[in-house]
Amino acid sequence: VRDLNTLYRDTPALYVSDSDPDGFQWIEANDAANSVYAWIRRGGPDDANAVVICNFTPIERMAYRVGLPLPGKWREALNTDADVYGGGGRGNMGQITAQAEPFQGQAASTLIYLPPLSTVLLIKA
């Protein structure tokens, strides 16, 4: 809980635009076959975007393509499968790089590893 509170406090995209519809955008809300949801949180104009991706199945997704609003490096700010949380320690080695390949209505995309029954939160670096 301490880590979640720190992440929330230090990530304006998670709270600045709570009551503004522009602060939230679905990336993936229709992947019933994989039980994956993904969305963007936006703060102010100078705040880095945050993307949340959830895998609600006990099946690992080893190369799940997800759309991201911008190409470049994204930091894996939270991975609920980390060893410190009692998980299997599987993830994306702390960061991913998105290419300028449009997908899911976003300007960029990447393949990420989604551990089973986990949430990954990416922040634009």
N, C-alpha and C. Protein backbone atom coordinates (compact mmCIF):
# COMPACT_ATOMS: atom_id res chain seq x y z
N VAL A 1 0.83 -1.19 0.00
CA VAL A 1 0.00 0.00 0.00
C VAL A 1 0.88 1.25 0.00
N ARG A 2 1.99 1.19 0.74
CA ARG A 2 2.91 2.33 0.76
C ARG A 2 3.41 2.65 -0.65
N ASP A 3 3.77 1.61 -1.41
CA ASP A 3 4.26 1.83 -2.77
C ASP A 3 3.18 2.43 -3.66
N LEU A 4 1.95 1.97 -3.52
CA LEU A 4 0.84 2.54 -4.30
C LEU A 4 0.61 4.00 -3.94
N ASN A 5 0.64 4.32 -2.66
CA ASN A 5 0.45 5.71 -2.24
C ASN A 5 1.57 6.61 -2.77
N THR A 6 2.80 6.12 -2.73
CA THR A 6 3.93 6.89 -3.25
C THR A 6 3.80 7.09 -4.75
N LEU A 7 3.44 6.04 -5.46
CA LEU A 7 3.26 6.13 -6.91
C LEU A 7 2.16 7.15 -7.23
N TYR A 8 1.06 7.07 -6.53
CA TYR A 8 -0.05 8.00 -6.74
C TYR A 8 0.39 9.45 -6.49
N ARG A 9 1.06 9.68 -5.38
CA ARG A 9 1.52 11.03 -5.02
C ARG A 9 2.50 11.59 -6.04
N ASP A 10 3.38 10.73 -6.56
CA ASP A 10 4.45 11.17 -7.45
C ASP A 10 4.07 11.15 -8.93
N THR A 11 2.84 10.76 -9.26
CA THR A 11 2.41 10.64 -10.66
C THR A 11 1.18 11.50 -10.90
N PRO A 12 1.36 12.77 -11.28
CA PRO A 12 0.22 13.68 -11.47
C PRO A 12 -0.84 13.15 -12.43
N ALA A 13 -0.45 12.36 -13.41
CA ALA A 13 -1.43 11.82 -14.36
C ALA A 13 -2.50 10.98 -13.66
N LEU A 14 -2.20 10.47 -12.48
CA LEU A 14 -3.16 9.62 -11.77
C LEU A 14 -4.20 10.42 -10.99
N TYR A 15 -3.99 11.73 -10.82
CA TYR A 15 -4.95 12.48 -10.01
C TYR A 15 -5.31 13.88 -10.51
N VAL A 16 -4.46 14.53 -11.29
CA VAL A 16 -4.69 15.93 -11.68
C VAL A 16 -6.02 16.12 -12.42
N SER A 17 -6.34 15.22 -13.31
CA SER A 17 -7.54 15.38 -14.14
C SER A 17 -8.64 14.40 -13.78
N ASP A 18 -8.76 14.08 -12.49
CA ASP A 18 -9.78 13.12 -12.05
C ASP A 18 -11.19 13.47 -12.50
N SER A 19 -11.54 14.74 -12.50
CA SER A 19 -12.91 15.13 -12.85
C SER A 19 -13.01 15.68 -14.27
N ASP A 20 -11.98 15.47 -15.07
CA ASP A 20 -11.96 15.94 -16.45
C ASP A 20 -11.97 14.72 -17.37
N PRO A 21 -12.95 14.62 -18.27
CA PRO A 21 -13.00 13.46 -19.17
C PRO A 21 -11.73 13.28 -20.00
N ASP A 22 -10.97 14.34 -20.26
CA ASP A 22 -9.74 14.23 -21.02
C ASP A 22 -8.62 13.55 -20.23
N GLY A 23 -8.82 13.34 -18.94
CA GLY A 23 -7.81 12.70 -18.10
C GLY A 23 -7.80 11.19 -18.20
N PHE A 24 -8.77 10.61 -18.93
CA PHE A 24 -8.89 9.16 -19.04
C PHE A 24 -9.24 8.79 -20.47
N GLN A 25 -8.62 7.73 -20.97
CA GLN A 25 -8.96 7.20 -22.29
C GLN A 25 -8.73 5.70 -22.30
N TRP A 26 -9.73 4.97 -22.75
CA TRP A 26 -9.56 3.53 -22.93
C TRP A 26 -8.59 3.27 -24.06
N ILE A 27 -7.71 2.32 -23.89
CA ILE A 27 -6.90 1.77 -24.98
C ILE A 27 -7.52 0.46 -25.41
N GLU A 28 -7.78 -0.41 -24.43
CA GLU A 28 -8.37 -1.72 -24.70
C GLU A 28 -9.42 -2.03 -23.66
N ALA A 29 -10.67 -2.16 -24.11
CA ALA A 29 -11.76 -2.51 -23.20
C ALA A 29 -12.60 -3.65 -23.77
N ASN A 30 -12.14 -4.24 -24.87
CA ASN A 30 -12.94 -5.26 -25.55
C ASN A 30 -12.21 -6.57 -25.79
N ASP A 31 -11.11 -6.82 -25.11
CA ASP A 31 -10.37 -8.05 -25.31
C ASP A 31 -10.83 -9.12 -24.32
N ALA A 32 -12.07 -9.55 -24.50
CA ALA A 32 -12.63 -10.56 -23.61
C ALA A 32 -11.89 -11.89 -23.73
N ALA A 33 -11.36 -12.20 -24.89
CA ALA A 33 -10.67 -13.48 -25.09
C ALA A 33 -9.43 -13.59 -24.20
N ASN A 34 -8.74 -12.47 -23.97
CA ASN A 34 -7.53 -12.47 -23.13
C ASN A 34 -7.76 -11.88 -21.75
N SER A 35 -8.94 -11.31 -21.51
CA SER A 35 -9.25 -10.64 -20.23
C SER A 35 -8.22 -9.58 -19.88
N VAL A 36 -7.88 -8.75 -20.86
CA VAL A 36 -6.93 -7.66 -20.66
C VAL A 36 -7.65 -6.33 -20.86
N TYR A 37 -7.40 -5.42 -19.94
CA TYR A 37 -7.89 -4.04 -20.05
C TYR A 37 -6.69 -3.11 -20.01
N ALA A 38 -6.77 -2.01 -20.77
CA ALA A 38 -5.69 -1.02 -20.75
C ALA A 38 -6.29 0.37 -20.92
N TRP A 39 -5.72 1.34 -20.22
CA TRP A 39 -6.19 2.72 -20.34
C TRP A 39 -5.07 3.70 -20.06
N ILE A 40 -5.31 4.94 -20.51
CA ILE A 40 -4.37 6.04 -20.32
C ILE A 40 -4.92 6.96 -19.25
N ARG A 41 -4.03 7.46 -18.39
CA ARG A 41 -4.35 8.55 -17.47
C ARG A 41 -3.47 9.73 -17.83
N ARG A 42 -4.08 10.90 -17.91
CA ARG A 42 -3.36 12.12 -18.26
C ARG A 42 -3.53 13.16 -17.17
N GLY A 43 -2.46 13.89 -16.92
CA GLY A 43 -2.50 14.99 -15.96
C GLY A 43 -2.52 16.31 -16.71
N GLY A 44 -1.68 17.23 -16.27
CA GLY A 44 -1.57 18.53 -16.91
C GLY A 44 -0.72 18.44 -18.17
N PRO A 45 -0.60 19.56 -18.89
CA PRO A 45 0.13 19.54 -20.16
C PRO A 45 1.61 19.15 -20.04
N ASP A 46 2.21 19.38 -18.90
CA ASP A 46 3.63 19.04 -18.72
C ASP A 46 3.85 17.72 -17.98
N ASP A 47 2.76 17.02 -17.65
CA ASP A 47 2.86 15.76 -16.91
C ASP A 47 2.98 14.58 -17.86
N ALA A 48 3.80 13.62 -17.49
CA ALA A 48 3.96 12.39 -18.29
C ALA A 48 2.68 11.57 -18.23
N ASN A 49 2.30 10.98 -19.35
CA ASN A 49 1.16 10.07 -19.39
C ASN A 49 1.48 8.80 -18.61
N ALA A 50 0.43 8.19 -18.07
CA ALA A 50 0.55 6.89 -17.42
C ALA A 50 -0.40 5.93 -18.14
N VAL A 51 0.06 4.72 -18.37
CA VAL A 51 -0.76 3.69 -19.01
C VAL A 51 -0.84 2.50 -18.06
N VAL A 52 -2.05 2.04 -17.82
CA VAL A 52 -2.30 0.90 -16.93
C VAL A 52 -2.78 -0.27 -17.80
N ILE A 53 -2.16 -1.43 -17.62
CA ILE A 53 -2.55 -2.63 -18.35
C ILE A 53 -2.77 -3.74 -17.33
N CYS A 54 -3.94 -4.34 -17.36
CA CYS A 54 -4.30 -5.39 -16.39
C CYS A 54 -4.57 -6.71 -17.11
N ASN A 55 -4.01 -7.78 -16.58
CA ASN A 55 -4.26 -9.13 -17.06
C ASN A 55 -5.05 -9.85 -15.97
N PHE A 56 -6.31 -10.13 -16.24
CA PHE A 56 -7.18 -10.72 -15.24
C PHE A 56 -7.28 -12.24 -15.34
N THR A 57 -6.32 -12.88 -15.99
CA THR A 57 -6.32 -14.33 -16.09
C THR A 57 -5.05 -14.91 -15.47
N PRO A 58 -5.07 -16.20 -15.15
CA PRO A 58 -3.86 -16.85 -14.63
C PRO A 58 -2.91 -17.28 -15.76
N ILE A 59 -3.10 -16.72 -16.95
CA ILE A 59 -2.29 -17.06 -18.11
C ILE A 59 -1.36 -15.90 -18.43
N GLU A 60 -0.06 -16.18 -18.52
CA GLU A 60 0.88 -15.11 -18.86
C GLU A 60 0.73 -14.75 -20.33
N ARG A 61 0.87 -13.47 -20.62
CA ARG A 61 0.83 -12.95 -21.99
C ARG A 61 2.26 -12.51 -22.32
N MET A 62 2.96 -13.34 -23.09
CA MET A 62 4.39 -13.13 -23.29
C MET A 62 4.72 -12.03 -24.29
N ALA A 63 3.86 -11.76 -25.22
CA ALA A 63 4.11 -10.72 -26.23
C ALA A 63 2.78 -10.06 -26.59
N TYR A 64 2.22 -9.35 -25.63
CA TYR A 64 0.92 -8.72 -25.82
C TYR A 64 1.13 -7.34 -26.44
N ARG A 65 0.55 -7.11 -27.62
CA ARG A 65 0.68 -5.79 -28.26
C ARG A 65 -0.32 -4.83 -27.65
N VAL A 66 0.19 -3.68 -27.27
CA VAL A 66 -0.65 -2.63 -26.69
C VAL A 66 -0.31 -1.30 -27.36
N GLY A 67 -1.34 -0.51 -27.63
CA GLY A 67 -1.13 0.82 -28.18
C GLY A 67 -0.73 1.79 -27.08
N LEU A 68 0.16 2.71 -27.42
CA LEU A 68 0.62 3.74 -26.48
C LEU A 68 0.52 5.09 -27.18
N PRO A 69 0.26 6.15 -26.41
CA PRO A 69 0.05 7.45 -27.05
C PRO A 69 1.29 8.06 -27.70
N LEU A 70 2.48 7.65 -27.27
CA LEU A 70 3.72 8.23 -27.79
C LEU A 70 4.78 7.14 -27.97
N PRO A 71 5.60 7.26 -29.02
CA PRO A 71 6.73 6.34 -29.15
C PRO A 71 7.83 6.71 -28.17
N GLY A 72 8.78 5.81 -27.99
CA GLY A 72 9.91 6.07 -27.12
C GLY A 72 9.90 5.18 -25.90
N LYS A 73 10.72 5.56 -24.92
CA LYS A 73 10.88 4.76 -23.71
C LYS A 73 9.76 5.03 -22.71
N TRP A 74 9.30 3.96 -22.08
CA TRP A 74 8.30 3.99 -21.03
C TRP A 74 8.85 3.20 -19.85
N ARG A 75 8.78 3.79 -18.67
CA ARG A 75 9.27 3.15 -17.45
C ARG A 75 8.17 2.27 -16.85
N GLU A 76 8.54 1.06 -16.45
CA GLU A 76 7.60 0.18 -15.75
C GLU A 76 7.60 0.62 -14.28
N ALA A 77 6.66 1.50 -13.95
CA ALA A 77 6.62 2.09 -12.61
C ALA A 77 6.00 1.15 -11.58
N LEU A 78 5.18 0.22 -12.03
CA LEU A 78 4.56 -0.75 -11.13
C LEU A 78 4.35 -2.05 -11.89
N ASN A 79 4.68 -3.14 -11.24
CA ASN A 79 4.40 -4.47 -11.75
C ASN A 79 3.99 -5.28 -10.54
N THR A 80 2.72 -5.63 -10.45
CA THR A 80 2.24 -6.32 -9.26
C THR A 80 2.76 -7.75 -9.15
N ASP A 81 3.46 -8.25 -10.17
CA ASP A 81 4.07 -9.57 -10.10
C ASP A 81 5.51 -9.52 -9.58
N ALA A 82 5.96 -8.36 -9.15
CA ALA A 82 7.33 -8.22 -8.64
C ALA A 82 7.54 -9.10 -7.41
N ASP A 83 8.78 -9.53 -7.23
CA ASP A 83 9.14 -10.36 -6.07
C ASP A 83 8.72 -9.71 -4.76
N VAL A 84 8.92 -8.41 -4.65
CA VAL A 84 8.63 -7.69 -3.41
C VAL A 84 7.16 -7.78 -3.00
N TYR A 85 6.28 -8.04 -3.98
CA TYR A 85 4.85 -8.18 -3.68
C TYR A 85 4.41 -9.64 -3.61
N GLY A 86 5.39 -10.56 -3.59
CA GLY A 86 5.07 -11.97 -3.49
C GLY A 86 4.79 -12.62 -4.83
N GLY A 87 5.08 -11.91 -5.91
CA GLY A 87 4.84 -12.45 -7.25
C GLY A 87 6.00 -13.27 -7.76
N GLY A 88 5.93 -13.59 -9.03
CA GLY A 88 6.94 -14.42 -9.65
C GLY A 88 8.15 -13.66 -10.17
N GLY A 89 8.13 -12.33 -10.05
CA GLY A 89 9.28 -11.53 -10.50
C GLY A 89 9.39 -11.43 -12.01
N ARG A 90 8.29 -11.62 -12.70
CA ARG A 90 8.31 -11.55 -14.16
C ARG A 90 7.86 -10.15 -14.60
N GLY A 91 8.45 -9.67 -15.70
CA GLY A 91 8.06 -8.35 -16.16
C GLY A 91 8.83 -7.91 -17.38
N ASN A 92 9.04 -6.61 -17.49
CA ASN A 92 9.63 -6.00 -18.67
C ASN A 92 10.98 -5.36 -18.39
N MET A 93 11.68 -5.85 -17.37
CA MET A 93 13.02 -5.39 -17.02
C MET A 93 13.06 -3.88 -16.76
N GLY A 94 11.96 -3.33 -16.25
CA GLY A 94 11.95 -1.94 -15.83
C GLY A 94 11.56 -0.92 -16.88
N GLN A 95 11.57 -1.31 -18.15
CA GLN A 95 11.14 -0.36 -19.18
C GLN A 95 10.83 -1.07 -20.49
N ILE A 96 10.10 -0.37 -21.34
CA ILE A 96 9.82 -0.86 -22.70
C ILE A 96 10.09 0.30 -23.64
N THR A 97 10.19 -0.01 -24.92
CA THR A 97 10.34 1.01 -25.94
C THR A 97 9.22 0.83 -26.95
N ALA A 98 8.43 1.87 -27.12
CA ALA A 98 7.33 1.85 -28.08
C ALA A 98 7.81 2.38 -29.43
N GLN A 99 7.37 1.73 -30.49
CA GLN A 99 7.69 2.16 -31.84
C GLN A 99 6.53 2.97 -32.41
N ALA A 100 6.82 3.79 -33.39
CA ALA A 100 5.79 4.62 -34.04
C ALA A 100 4.98 3.75 -34.99
N GLU A 101 4.34 2.72 -34.44
CA GLU A 101 3.46 1.82 -35.19
C GLU A 101 2.07 1.94 -34.58
N PRO A 102 1.17 2.69 -35.22
CA PRO A 102 -0.17 2.89 -34.66
C PRO A 102 -0.89 1.57 -34.37
N PHE A 103 -1.61 1.57 -33.24
CA PHE A 103 -2.37 0.38 -32.84
C PHE A 103 -3.39 0.81 -31.80
N GLN A 104 -4.58 0.25 -31.85
CA GLN A 104 -5.65 0.52 -30.88
C GLN A 104 -5.96 2.02 -30.78
N GLY A 105 -5.87 2.72 -31.90
CA GLY A 105 -6.17 4.14 -31.91
C GLY A 105 -5.08 5.03 -31.33
N GLN A 106 -3.91 4.45 -31.06
CA GLN A 106 -2.79 5.20 -30.49
C GLN A 106 -1.69 5.35 -31.54
N ALA A 107 -0.83 6.36 -31.35
CA ALA A 107 0.22 6.67 -32.32
C ALA A 107 1.37 5.67 -32.31
N ALA A 108 1.50 4.90 -31.25
CA ALA A 108 2.63 3.99 -31.11
C ALA A 108 2.13 2.67 -30.52
N SER A 109 3.03 1.69 -30.50
CA SER A 109 2.68 0.42 -29.87
C SER A 109 3.96 -0.33 -29.52
N THR A 110 3.77 -1.36 -28.71
CA THR A 110 4.89 -2.21 -28.31
C THR A 110 4.35 -3.57 -27.89
N LEU A 111 5.23 -4.54 -27.82
CA LEU A 111 4.91 -5.84 -27.26
C LEU A 111 5.41 -5.84 -25.82
N ILE A 112 4.52 -6.19 -24.90
CA ILE A 112 4.94 -6.24 -23.50
C ILE A 112 4.66 -7.62 -22.93
N TYR A 113 5.33 -7.89 -21.83
CA TYR A 113 5.08 -9.11 -21.09
C TYR A 113 4.09 -8.78 -19.98
N LEU A 114 2.95 -9.47 -19.96
CA LEU A 114 1.96 -9.31 -18.90
C LEU A 114 1.94 -10.56 -18.05
N PRO A 115 2.45 -10.48 -16.83
CA PRO A 115 2.39 -11.65 -15.96
C PRO A 115 0.94 -12.03 -15.66
N PRO A 116 0.70 -13.26 -15.25
CA PRO A 116 -0.66 -13.66 -14.92
C PRO A 116 -1.20 -12.90 -13.71
N LEU A 117 -2.49 -12.60 -13.74
CA LEU A 117 -3.19 -11.96 -12.63
C LEU A 117 -2.42 -10.74 -12.12
N SER A 118 -2.08 -9.84 -13.02
CA SER A 118 -1.22 -8.72 -12.65
C SER A 118 -1.66 -7.41 -13.30
N THR A 119 -1.08 -6.35 -12.78
CA THR A 119 -1.23 -5.01 -13.35
C THR A 119 0.16 -4.43 -13.57
N VAL A 120 0.34 -3.84 -14.75
CA VAL A 120 1.57 -3.15 -15.08
C VAL A 120 1.22 -1.69 -15.34
N LEU A 121 1.96 -0.78 -14.75
CA LEU A 121 1.74 0.64 -14.97
C LEU A 121 3.00 1.22 -15.60
N LEU A 122 2.83 1.82 -16.78
CA LEU A 122 3.94 2.42 -17.52
C LEU A 122 3.82 3.94 -17.47
N ILE A 123 4.95 4.63 -17.34
CA ILE A 123 4.99 6.08 -17.37
C ILE A 123 5.97 6.50 -18.43
N LYS A 124 5.56 7.45 -19.26
CA LYS A 124 6.44 7.93 -20.34
C LYS A 124 7.70 8.52 -19.74
N ALA A 125 8.84 8.00 -20.16
CA ALA A 125 10.14 8.46 -19.64
C ALA A 125 10.60 9.72 -20.37
